Amino acid sequence: MRISRRYVVAAGMAAIVAGGAGVAAASGNSDSAEGPDRAITGEALQQAGDAALAETGGGTVTGTEVGDEESYYEVEVTRDDGSQVDVQLDKGFAVVGSKVDSENSGEGAG
């Protein structure tokens, strides 16, 4: 039995397309609870940063995320002592929680 070249090429292309779909599904394009990180941008970044810095009493915004698993916005602040605080904000930029993220918070050293 002779297989035509056209059939072989078509079968190869179908395998490539199917493989690509599998890679897309495995790379986070599913309905999982946690998707890829998206940074806060634009005016929302300024408002979220201001709210987070007010909560921590100062520091530097070192990371942001929209759609965090714990809140609508998450802002990571590094304080002057080196500790990091994750501040959770709702859509209106109100603080809904915060926690020290760093093992070495600079507090209680002795």
N, C-alpha and C. Protein backbone atom coordinates (compact mmCIF):
# COMPACT_ATOMS: atom_id res chain seq x y z
N MET A 1 0.85 -1.17 0.00
CA MET A 1 0.00 0.00 0.00
C MET A 1 0.89 1.23 0.00
N ARG A 2 0.55 2.14 -0.85
CA ARG A 2 1.34 3.35 -0.98
C ARG A 2 0.61 4.52 -0.31
N ILE A 3 1.32 5.24 0.59
CA ILE A 3 0.75 6.39 1.29
C ILE A 3 1.21 7.64 0.56
N SER A 4 0.25 8.49 0.23
CA SER A 4 0.60 9.70 -0.52
C SER A 4 1.31 10.71 0.37
N ARG A 5 2.13 11.50 -0.24
CA ARG A 5 2.87 12.54 0.48
C ARG A 5 1.91 13.55 1.11
N ARG A 6 0.84 13.87 0.43
CA ARG A 6 -0.15 14.82 0.95
C ARG A 6 -0.72 14.33 2.27
N TYR A 7 -1.01 13.01 2.37
CA TYR A 7 -1.56 12.44 3.59
C TYR A 7 -0.55 12.55 4.74
N VAL A 8 0.69 12.28 4.48
CA VAL A 8 1.73 12.34 5.50
C VAL A 8 1.89 13.76 6.03
N VAL A 9 1.89 14.74 5.12
CA VAL A 9 2.02 16.14 5.51
C VAL A 9 0.81 16.57 6.34
N ALA A 10 -0.39 16.19 5.92
CA ALA A 10 -1.61 16.55 6.66
C ALA A 10 -1.60 15.93 8.05
N ALA A 11 -1.18 14.69 8.14
CA ALA A 11 -1.12 14.02 9.45
C ALA A 11 -0.10 14.70 10.35
N GLY A 12 1.02 15.09 9.80
CA GLY A 12 2.05 15.79 10.57
C GLY A 12 1.56 17.12 11.09
N MET A 13 0.88 17.87 10.24
CA MET A 13 0.33 19.17 10.66
C MET A 13 -0.71 18.99 11.76
N ALA A 14 -1.55 17.98 11.64
CA ALA A 14 -2.56 17.73 12.67
C ALA A 14 -1.89 17.41 14.01
N ALA A 15 -0.82 16.66 13.98
CA ALA A 15 -0.09 16.32 15.21
C ALA A 15 0.51 17.56 15.85
N ILE A 16 1.04 18.46 15.02
CA ILE A 16 1.62 19.70 15.54
C ILE A 16 0.55 20.56 16.19
N VAL A 17 -0.59 20.71 15.53
CA VAL A 17 -1.68 21.51 16.08
C VAL A 17 -2.18 20.91 17.39
N ALA A 18 -2.35 19.62 17.43
CA ALA A 18 -2.82 18.95 18.65
C ALA A 18 -1.80 19.13 19.78
N GLY A 19 -0.54 19.01 19.47
CA GLY A 19 0.50 19.21 20.47
C GLY A 19 0.51 20.62 21.00
N GLY A 20 0.31 21.59 20.14
CA GLY A 20 0.26 22.99 20.56
C GLY A 20 -0.92 23.25 21.48
N ALA A 21 -2.04 22.64 21.21
CA ALA A 21 -3.21 22.81 22.07
C ALA A 21 -2.94 22.23 23.45
N GLY A 22 -2.23 21.11 23.50
CA GLY A 22 -1.89 20.51 24.79
C GLY A 22 -0.95 21.38 25.59
N VAL A 23 0.01 21.98 24.93
CA VAL A 23 0.94 22.89 25.61
C VAL A 23 0.20 24.10 26.14
N ALA A 24 -0.73 24.66 25.36
CA ALA A 24 -1.50 25.82 25.81
C ALA A 24 -2.31 25.47 27.05
N ALA A 25 -2.91 24.30 27.08
CA ALA A 25 -3.70 23.90 28.24
C ALA A 25 -2.82 23.70 29.46
N ALA A 26 -1.64 23.15 29.27
CA ALA A 26 -0.74 22.90 30.38
C ALA A 26 -0.09 24.17 30.91
N SER A 27 -0.06 25.23 30.12
CA SER A 27 0.63 26.45 30.54
C SER A 27 -0.26 27.43 31.28
N GLY A 28 -1.40 26.99 31.76
CA GLY A 28 -2.20 27.87 32.60
C GLY A 28 -3.45 28.41 31.93
N ASN A 29 -3.78 27.96 30.76
CA ASN A 29 -4.98 28.44 30.09
C ASN A 29 -6.16 27.57 30.46
N SER A 30 -6.27 27.18 31.70
CA SER A 30 -7.38 26.37 32.18
C SER A 30 -8.17 27.17 33.20
N ASP A 31 -9.16 26.52 33.80
CA ASP A 31 -10.02 27.20 34.77
C ASP A 31 -9.49 27.07 36.18
N SER A 32 -8.19 26.96 36.36
CA SER A 32 -7.63 26.83 37.70
C SER A 32 -7.84 28.11 38.49
N ALA A 33 -7.78 28.01 39.80
CA ALA A 33 -8.03 29.16 40.67
C ALA A 33 -6.95 30.22 40.55
N GLU A 34 -5.74 29.80 40.24
CA GLU A 34 -4.64 30.75 40.17
C GLU A 34 -4.08 30.78 38.76
N GLY A 35 -4.20 31.92 38.10
CA GLY A 35 -3.67 32.06 36.75
C GLY A 35 -2.33 32.76 36.78
N PRO A 36 -1.87 33.17 35.63
CA PRO A 36 -0.59 33.88 35.57
C PRO A 36 -0.67 35.23 36.26
N ASP A 37 0.42 35.64 36.88
CA ASP A 37 0.46 36.92 37.57
C ASP A 37 0.33 38.07 36.57
N ARG A 38 -0.48 39.06 36.92
CA ARG A 38 -0.62 40.28 36.13
C ARG A 38 -0.33 41.45 37.05
N ALA A 39 0.59 42.30 36.65
CA ALA A 39 0.95 43.47 37.46
C ALA A 39 -0.14 44.53 37.38
N ILE A 40 -0.28 45.29 38.44
CA ILE A 40 -1.19 46.43 38.45
C ILE A 40 -0.56 47.53 37.59
N THR A 41 -1.35 48.21 36.78
CA THR A 41 -0.83 49.26 35.91
C THR A 41 -1.69 50.52 36.01
N GLY A 42 -1.18 51.59 35.41
CA GLY A 42 -1.92 52.84 35.28
C GLY A 42 -2.25 53.50 36.60
N GLU A 43 -3.40 54.16 36.61
CA GLU A 43 -3.85 54.88 37.80
C GLU A 43 -4.10 53.93 38.98
N ALA A 44 -4.52 52.71 38.68
CA ALA A 44 -4.75 51.73 39.73
C ALA A 44 -3.46 51.42 40.49
N LEU A 45 -2.33 51.43 39.78
CA LEU A 45 -1.04 51.18 40.44
C LEU A 45 -0.74 52.26 41.47
N GLN A 46 -0.99 53.51 41.12
CA GLN A 46 -0.75 54.62 42.04
C GLN A 46 -1.65 54.51 43.27
N GLN A 47 -2.94 54.24 43.05
CA GLN A 47 -3.89 54.14 44.17
C GLN A 47 -3.57 52.95 45.07
N ALA A 48 -3.26 51.82 44.47
CA ALA A 48 -2.94 50.64 45.26
C ALA A 48 -1.64 50.85 46.04
N GLY A 49 -0.65 51.45 45.41
CA GLY A 49 0.61 51.72 46.09
C GLY A 49 0.43 52.66 47.27
N ASP A 50 -0.35 53.72 47.06
CA ASP A 50 -0.61 54.67 48.14
C ASP A 50 -1.31 54.00 49.33
N ALA A 51 -2.30 53.16 49.03
CA ALA A 51 -3.04 52.47 50.10
C ALA A 51 -2.12 51.50 50.85
N ALA A 52 -1.28 50.78 50.12
CA ALA A 52 -0.39 49.82 50.76
C ALA A 52 0.66 50.52 51.62
N LEU A 53 1.22 51.61 51.12
CA LEU A 53 2.23 52.34 51.89
C LEU A 53 1.62 52.98 53.14
N ALA A 54 0.38 53.41 53.05
CA ALA A 54 -0.30 53.94 54.23
C ALA A 54 -0.49 52.83 55.27
N GLU A 55 -0.80 51.63 54.82
CA GLU A 55 -0.99 50.49 55.71
C GLU A 55 0.31 50.09 56.41
N THR A 56 1.42 50.13 55.68
CA THR A 56 2.70 49.66 56.23
C THR A 56 3.49 50.77 56.91
N GLY A 57 3.05 52.01 56.78
CA GLY A 57 3.78 53.12 57.38
C GLY A 57 5.01 53.51 56.58
N GLY A 58 5.03 53.19 55.32
CA GLY A 58 6.14 53.55 54.45
C GLY A 58 6.83 52.34 53.88
N GLY A 59 7.89 52.61 53.12
CA GLY A 59 8.64 51.55 52.46
C GLY A 59 8.64 51.78 50.96
N THR A 60 8.91 50.73 50.22
CA THR A 60 8.96 50.79 48.76
C THR A 60 8.10 49.69 48.18
N VAL A 61 7.25 50.02 47.21
CA VAL A 61 6.46 49.02 46.52
C VAL A 61 7.41 48.21 45.64
N THR A 62 7.47 46.90 45.88
CA THR A 62 8.41 46.05 45.15
C THR A 62 7.71 44.99 44.30
N GLY A 63 6.39 44.93 44.36
CA GLY A 63 5.66 43.98 43.53
C GLY A 63 4.17 44.24 43.63
N THR A 64 3.46 43.93 42.54
CA THR A 64 2.01 44.09 42.54
C THR A 64 1.38 42.95 41.75
N GLU A 65 0.11 42.70 42.03
CA GLU A 65 -0.61 41.66 41.30
C GLU A 65 -2.10 41.97 41.30
N VAL A 66 -2.72 41.82 40.14
CA VAL A 66 -4.17 41.93 40.01
C VAL A 66 -4.74 40.52 40.04
N GLY A 67 -5.84 40.33 40.74
CA GLY A 67 -6.49 39.03 40.76
C GLY A 67 -5.76 38.02 41.62
N ASP A 68 -5.17 38.48 42.69
CA ASP A 68 -4.49 37.59 43.62
C ASP A 68 -5.50 36.61 44.20
N GLU A 69 -5.06 35.44 44.62
CA GLU A 69 -5.97 34.44 45.16
C GLU A 69 -6.61 34.87 46.47
N GLU A 70 -6.05 35.86 47.16
CA GLU A 70 -6.57 36.31 48.44
C GLU A 70 -7.40 37.59 48.35
N SER A 71 -7.23 38.36 47.30
CA SER A 71 -7.93 39.64 47.19
C SER A 71 -7.88 40.11 45.73
N TYR A 72 -8.51 41.25 45.48
CA TYR A 72 -8.49 41.77 44.11
C TYR A 72 -7.11 42.28 43.72
N TYR A 73 -6.48 43.03 44.62
CA TYR A 73 -5.12 43.52 44.39
C TYR A 73 -4.21 43.03 45.52
N GLU A 74 -2.95 42.75 45.17
CA GLU A 74 -1.94 42.50 46.19
C GLU A 74 -0.76 43.41 45.88
N VAL A 75 -0.27 44.09 46.93
CA VAL A 75 0.90 44.96 46.78
C VAL A 75 1.95 44.48 47.78
N GLU A 76 3.14 44.22 47.27
CA GLU A 76 4.25 43.84 48.14
C GLU A 76 5.05 45.08 48.45
N VAL A 77 5.26 45.33 49.74
CA VAL A 77 6.02 46.49 50.19
C VAL A 77 7.24 45.99 50.95
N THR A 78 8.41 46.53 50.61
CA THR A 78 9.62 46.24 51.37
C THR A 78 9.89 47.43 52.27
N ARG A 79 9.88 47.17 53.57
CA ARG A 79 10.10 48.24 54.55
C ARG A 79 11.59 48.52 54.69
N ASP A 80 11.90 49.64 55.33
CA ASP A 80 13.29 50.06 55.50
C ASP A 80 14.13 49.03 56.25
N ASP A 81 13.50 48.22 57.11
CA ASP A 81 14.24 47.20 57.86
C ASP A 81 14.47 45.92 57.05
N GLY A 82 13.99 45.90 55.80
CA GLY A 82 14.18 44.75 54.93
C GLY A 82 13.03 43.76 54.93
N SER A 83 12.10 43.91 55.86
CA SER A 83 10.96 43.00 55.89
C SER A 83 10.03 43.31 54.72
N GLN A 84 9.30 42.30 54.31
CA GLN A 84 8.34 42.47 53.22
C GLN A 84 6.94 42.21 53.74
N VAL A 85 6.01 43.04 53.32
CA VAL A 85 4.62 42.92 53.73
C VAL A 85 3.76 42.82 52.48
N ASP A 86 2.90 41.80 52.43
CA ASP A 86 1.91 41.69 51.37
C ASP A 86 0.63 42.34 51.86
N VAL A 87 0.19 43.38 51.15
CA VAL A 87 -1.03 44.08 51.52
C VAL A 87 -2.12 43.70 50.52
N GLN A 88 -3.23 43.20 51.05
CA GLN A 88 -4.37 42.79 50.22
C GLN A 88 -5.38 43.92 50.16
N LEU A 89 -5.85 44.24 48.94
CA LEU A 89 -6.80 45.33 48.73
C LEU A 89 -8.00 44.83 47.94
N ASP A 90 -9.17 45.45 48.20
CA ASP A 90 -10.34 45.13 47.39
C ASP A 90 -10.37 46.03 46.15
N LYS A 91 -11.43 45.93 45.33
CA LYS A 91 -11.51 46.73 44.10
C LYS A 91 -11.50 48.22 44.36
N GLY A 92 -11.96 48.64 45.54
CA GLY A 92 -12.00 50.06 45.88
C GLY A 92 -10.74 50.53 46.59
N PHE A 93 -9.71 49.70 46.60
CA PHE A 93 -8.39 50.00 47.21
C PHE A 93 -8.44 50.08 48.73
N ALA A 94 -9.46 49.46 49.35
CA ALA A 94 -9.52 49.37 50.81
C ALA A 94 -8.71 48.15 51.24
N VAL A 95 -7.97 48.29 52.32
CA VAL A 95 -7.16 47.19 52.84
C VAL A 95 -8.08 46.13 53.43
N VAL A 96 -7.89 44.90 52.99
CA VAL A 96 -8.67 43.78 53.52
C VAL A 96 -7.78 42.78 54.26
N GLY A 97 -6.48 43.05 54.29
CA GLY A 97 -5.56 42.19 55.04
C GLY A 97 -4.12 42.52 54.69
N SER A 98 -3.23 42.11 55.58
CA SER A 98 -1.80 42.26 55.30
C SER A 98 -1.05 41.25 56.16
N LYS A 99 0.10 40.82 55.67
CA LYS A 99 0.92 39.90 56.44
C LYS A 99 2.38 40.10 56.08
N VAL A 100 3.24 39.88 57.06
CA VAL A 100 4.67 39.94 56.82
C VAL A 100 5.03 38.71 56.00
N ASP A 101 5.68 38.94 54.86
CA ASP A 101 5.99 37.87 53.92
C ASP A 101 7.38 37.30 54.12
N SER A 102 8.25 38.05 54.77
CA SER A 102 9.65 37.65 54.90
C SER A 102 9.86 36.89 56.20
N GLU A 103 10.68 35.84 56.16
CA GLU A 103 11.04 35.09 57.35
C GLU A 103 11.82 35.96 58.33
N ASN A 104 12.69 36.82 57.80
CA ASN A 104 13.52 37.69 58.63
C ASN A 104 12.94 39.10 58.57
N SER A 105 12.03 39.39 59.47
CA SER A 105 11.35 40.68 59.42
C SER A 105 12.14 41.81 60.07
N GLY A 106 13.24 41.49 60.71
CA GLY A 106 14.01 42.52 61.38
C GLY A 106 13.48 42.86 62.75
N GLU A 107 12.41 42.20 63.17
CA GLU A 107 11.82 42.47 64.48
C GLU A 107 12.26 41.40 65.46
N GLY A 108 12.50 41.79 66.66
CA GLY A 108 12.82 40.85 67.73
C GLY A 108 14.19 40.21 67.63
N ALA A 109 15.07 40.79 66.85
CA ALA A 109 16.42 40.22 66.74
C ALA A 109 17.17 40.45 68.04
N GLY A 110 17.90 39.45 68.45
CA GLY A 110 18.56 39.67 69.72
C GLY A 110 19.70 38.84 69.87
